[in-house]
Amino acid sequence: MFRGFLYYRYLNRAPYHIRVGRLGEIWACKLIREMGLPVLAQNYLAPHGEIDLVARDGEVLCFIEVKTRSVDQLLRPAQAVDFDKMKHIKYAANHYLKHIGNPVTPIRYDVIEVFHENLKLKKIVYRPNFQKEKETPLSFYGL
């Protein structure tokens, strides 16, 4: 998706953690599209939260949080999605649903973990239905 010259100029001047996060979202969006899921929204802002990606998996509306970390960090990226973060994601998801007219559709909260080394993609782990964590995560671009 072309965002324009000013966006990339802003991104180059942004703090390092912002650039890493945006890069992780770009990789995650590419993964979602490669899986054949249409991306409906990126960086949807609500008054008290943000949704990194909104996609559709069949009839299910997926609200996806992207977490990007360096491979040398001890904690997994998904560990940063705690109770408070999920509360903000759910609030933003409700805001998004109201924005599109409250359709009667099942929803799901997913997490994509992006691992990089010196801003080079190393591994992406897609965790569908993150709250239940009963399924084995789908892993792509292994180490």
Protein backbone atom coordinates (compact mmCIF):
# COMPACT_ATOMS: atom_id res chain seq x y z
CA MET A 1 0.00 0.00 0.00
CA PHE A 2 1.50 3.34 -1.05
CA ARG A 3 1.38 5.87 1.76
CA GLY A 4 3.13 8.79 0.14
CA PHE A 5 6.32 10.75 0.49
CA LEU A 6 5.36 12.62 3.68
CA TYR A 7 4.57 9.39 5.52
CA TYR A 8 7.98 7.92 4.76
CA ARG A 9 9.66 11.20 5.63
CA TYR A 10 7.84 11.15 8.98
CA LEU A 11 8.75 7.49 9.52
CA ASN A 12 12.46 8.16 8.95
CA ARG A 13 12.38 10.88 11.61
CA ALA A 14 10.31 8.91 14.09
CA PRO A 15 11.91 7.40 17.19
CA TYR A 16 13.47 3.96 16.74
CA HIS A 17 10.72 2.04 18.57
CA ILE A 18 8.06 3.64 16.36
CA ARG A 19 9.94 2.69 13.19
CA VAL A 20 10.39 -0.88 14.42
CA GLY A 21 6.69 -1.14 15.28
CA ARG A 22 5.60 0.18 11.89
CA LEU A 23 7.98 -2.17 10.13
CA GLY A 24 6.51 -5.08 12.09
CA GLU A 25 3.00 -4.01 11.08
CA ILE A 26 4.06 -3.91 7.42
CA TRP A 27 5.45 -7.47 7.67
CA ALA A 28 2.33 -8.65 9.52
CA CYS A 29 0.03 -7.10 6.92
CA LYS A 30 2.00 -8.84 4.18
CA LEU A 31 1.61 -12.16 6.03
CA ILE A 32 -2.16 -11.70 6.40
CA ARG A 33 -2.51 -10.95 2.70
CA GLU A 34 -0.35 -13.96 1.78
CA MET A 35 -2.72 -16.10 3.85
CA GLY A 36 -5.53 -14.84 1.63
CA LEU A 37 -7.32 -12.75 4.25
CA PRO A 38 -8.56 -9.34 3.16
CA VAL A 39 -7.26 -6.49 5.33
CA LEU A 40 -10.15 -4.13 6.10
CA ALA A 41 -8.30 -1.53 8.18
CA GLN A 42 -4.83 -0.64 9.42
CA ASN A 43 -4.06 1.40 12.54
CA TYR A 44 -7.71 2.06 13.38
CA LEU A 45 -7.77 4.72 16.09
CA ALA A 46 -10.48 4.87 18.74
CA PRO A 47 -10.62 7.35 21.64
CA HIS A 48 -8.96 4.92 24.08
CA GLY A 49 -7.14 2.42 21.91
CA GLU A 50 -5.86 1.36 18.53
CA ILE A 51 -6.22 -1.76 16.42
CA ASP A 52 -3.18 -2.55 14.31
CA LEU A 53 -5.02 -4.65 11.70
CA VAL A 54 -8.60 -5.63 11.00
CA ALA A 55 -9.05 -8.58 8.67
CA ARG A 56 -11.79 -10.99 7.67
CA ASP A 57 -11.34 -14.77 7.94
CA GLY A 58 -14.44 -16.14 6.25
CA GLU A 59 -17.33 -14.81 8.32
CA VAL A 60 -15.13 -13.95 11.30
CA LEU A 61 -13.91 -10.39 11.83
CA CYS A 62 -10.33 -10.52 13.19
CA PHE A 63 -8.87 -7.75 15.33
CA ILE A 64 -5.11 -8.23 15.19
CA GLU A 65 -2.49 -6.82 17.53
CA VAL A 66 1.07 -6.81 16.17
CA LYS A 67 4.00 -6.99 18.57
CA THR A 68 7.56 -6.63 17.27
CA ARG A 69 10.68 -7.49 19.23
CA SER A 70 14.34 -8.15 18.59
CA VAL A 71 15.37 -11.82 18.65
CA ASP A 72 17.76 -11.16 21.53
CA GLN A 73 15.04 -10.07 23.97
CA LEU A 74 14.09 -12.53 26.68
CA LEU A 75 10.31 -12.10 26.65
CA ARG A 76 8.04 -13.13 23.80
CA PRO A 77 6.21 -10.24 22.12
CA ALA A 78 2.78 -11.68 22.98
CA GLN A 79 3.60 -11.37 26.68
CA ALA A 80 3.17 -7.62 26.27
CA VAL A 81 -0.53 -8.17 25.53
CA ASP A 82 -1.80 -8.22 29.09
CA PHE A 83 -5.25 -7.64 30.60
CA ASP A 84 -5.07 -3.84 30.27
CA LYS A 85 -3.90 -4.01 26.64
CA MET A 86 -6.72 -6.44 25.79
CA LYS A 87 -9.20 -4.07 27.45
CA HIS A 88 -8.04 -1.25 25.15
CA ILE A 89 -8.15 -3.52 22.10
CA LYS A 90 -11.71 -4.62 22.94
CA TYR A 91 -12.78 -1.02 23.45
CA ALA A 92 -11.33 -0.07 20.06
CA ALA A 93 -12.95 -3.14 18.47
CA ASN A 94 -16.36 -2.10 19.84
CA HIS A 95 -15.76 1.39 18.47
CA TYR A 96 -14.88 -0.08 15.05
CA LEU A 97 -18.02 -2.26 15.07
CA LYS A 98 -20.19 0.78 15.84
CA HIS A 99 -18.39 2.70 13.07
CA ILE A 100 -19.31 0.06 10.47
CA GLY A 101 -22.94 -0.26 11.64
CA ASN A 102 -22.80 -3.05 14.25
CA PRO A 103 -22.94 -6.06 11.91
CA VAL A 104 -23.96 -9.39 13.39
CA THR A 105 -20.74 -11.30 12.84
CA PRO A 106 -18.44 -13.40 15.01
CA ILE A 107 -15.25 -11.68 16.12
CA ARG A 108 -11.83 -12.90 17.15
CA TYR A 109 -8.77 -11.33 18.75
CA ASP A 110 -5.44 -12.42 17.24
CA VAL A 111 -1.80 -11.55 17.91
CA ILE A 112 1.06 -11.58 15.45
CA GLU A 113 4.55 -11.81 16.94
CA VAL A 114 7.29 -10.39 14.73
CA PHE A 115 10.93 -11.12 15.49
CA HIS A 116 13.69 -9.10 13.83
CA GLU A 117 17.45 -8.86 13.94
CA ASN A 118 18.96 -5.52 12.92
CA LEU A 119 15.64 -4.61 11.26
CA LYS A 120 15.71 -7.80 9.15
CA LEU A 121 12.74 -10.13 9.50
CA LYS A 122 13.65 -13.37 11.26
CA LYS A 123 10.35 -14.97 12.24
CA ILE A 124 6.61 -14.30 12.32
CA VAL A 125 4.22 -16.23 14.57
CA TYR A 126 0.49 -15.83 13.99
CA ARG A 127 -1.62 -16.63 17.05
CA PRO A 128 -5.28 -16.79 16.08
CA ASN A 129 -7.84 -16.59 18.88
CA PHE A 130 -5.21 -15.32 21.29
CA GLN A 131 -7.42 -15.31 24.38
CA LYS A 132 -8.00 -19.06 24.36
CA GLU A 133 -4.48 -20.12 23.35
CA LYS A 134 -5.66 -23.72 22.88
CA GLU A 135 -4.31 -24.08 19.37
CA THR A 136 -0.70 -24.37 18.29
CA PRO A 137 0.39 -21.08 16.71
CA LEU A 138 0.97 -20.99 12.99
CA SER A 139 4.62 -20.12 12.36
CA PHE A 140 6.11 -18.66 9.21
CA TYR A 141 9.58 -17.56 8.18
CA GLY A 142 11.27 -19.73 10.82
CA LEU A 143 14.71 -19.00 12.24
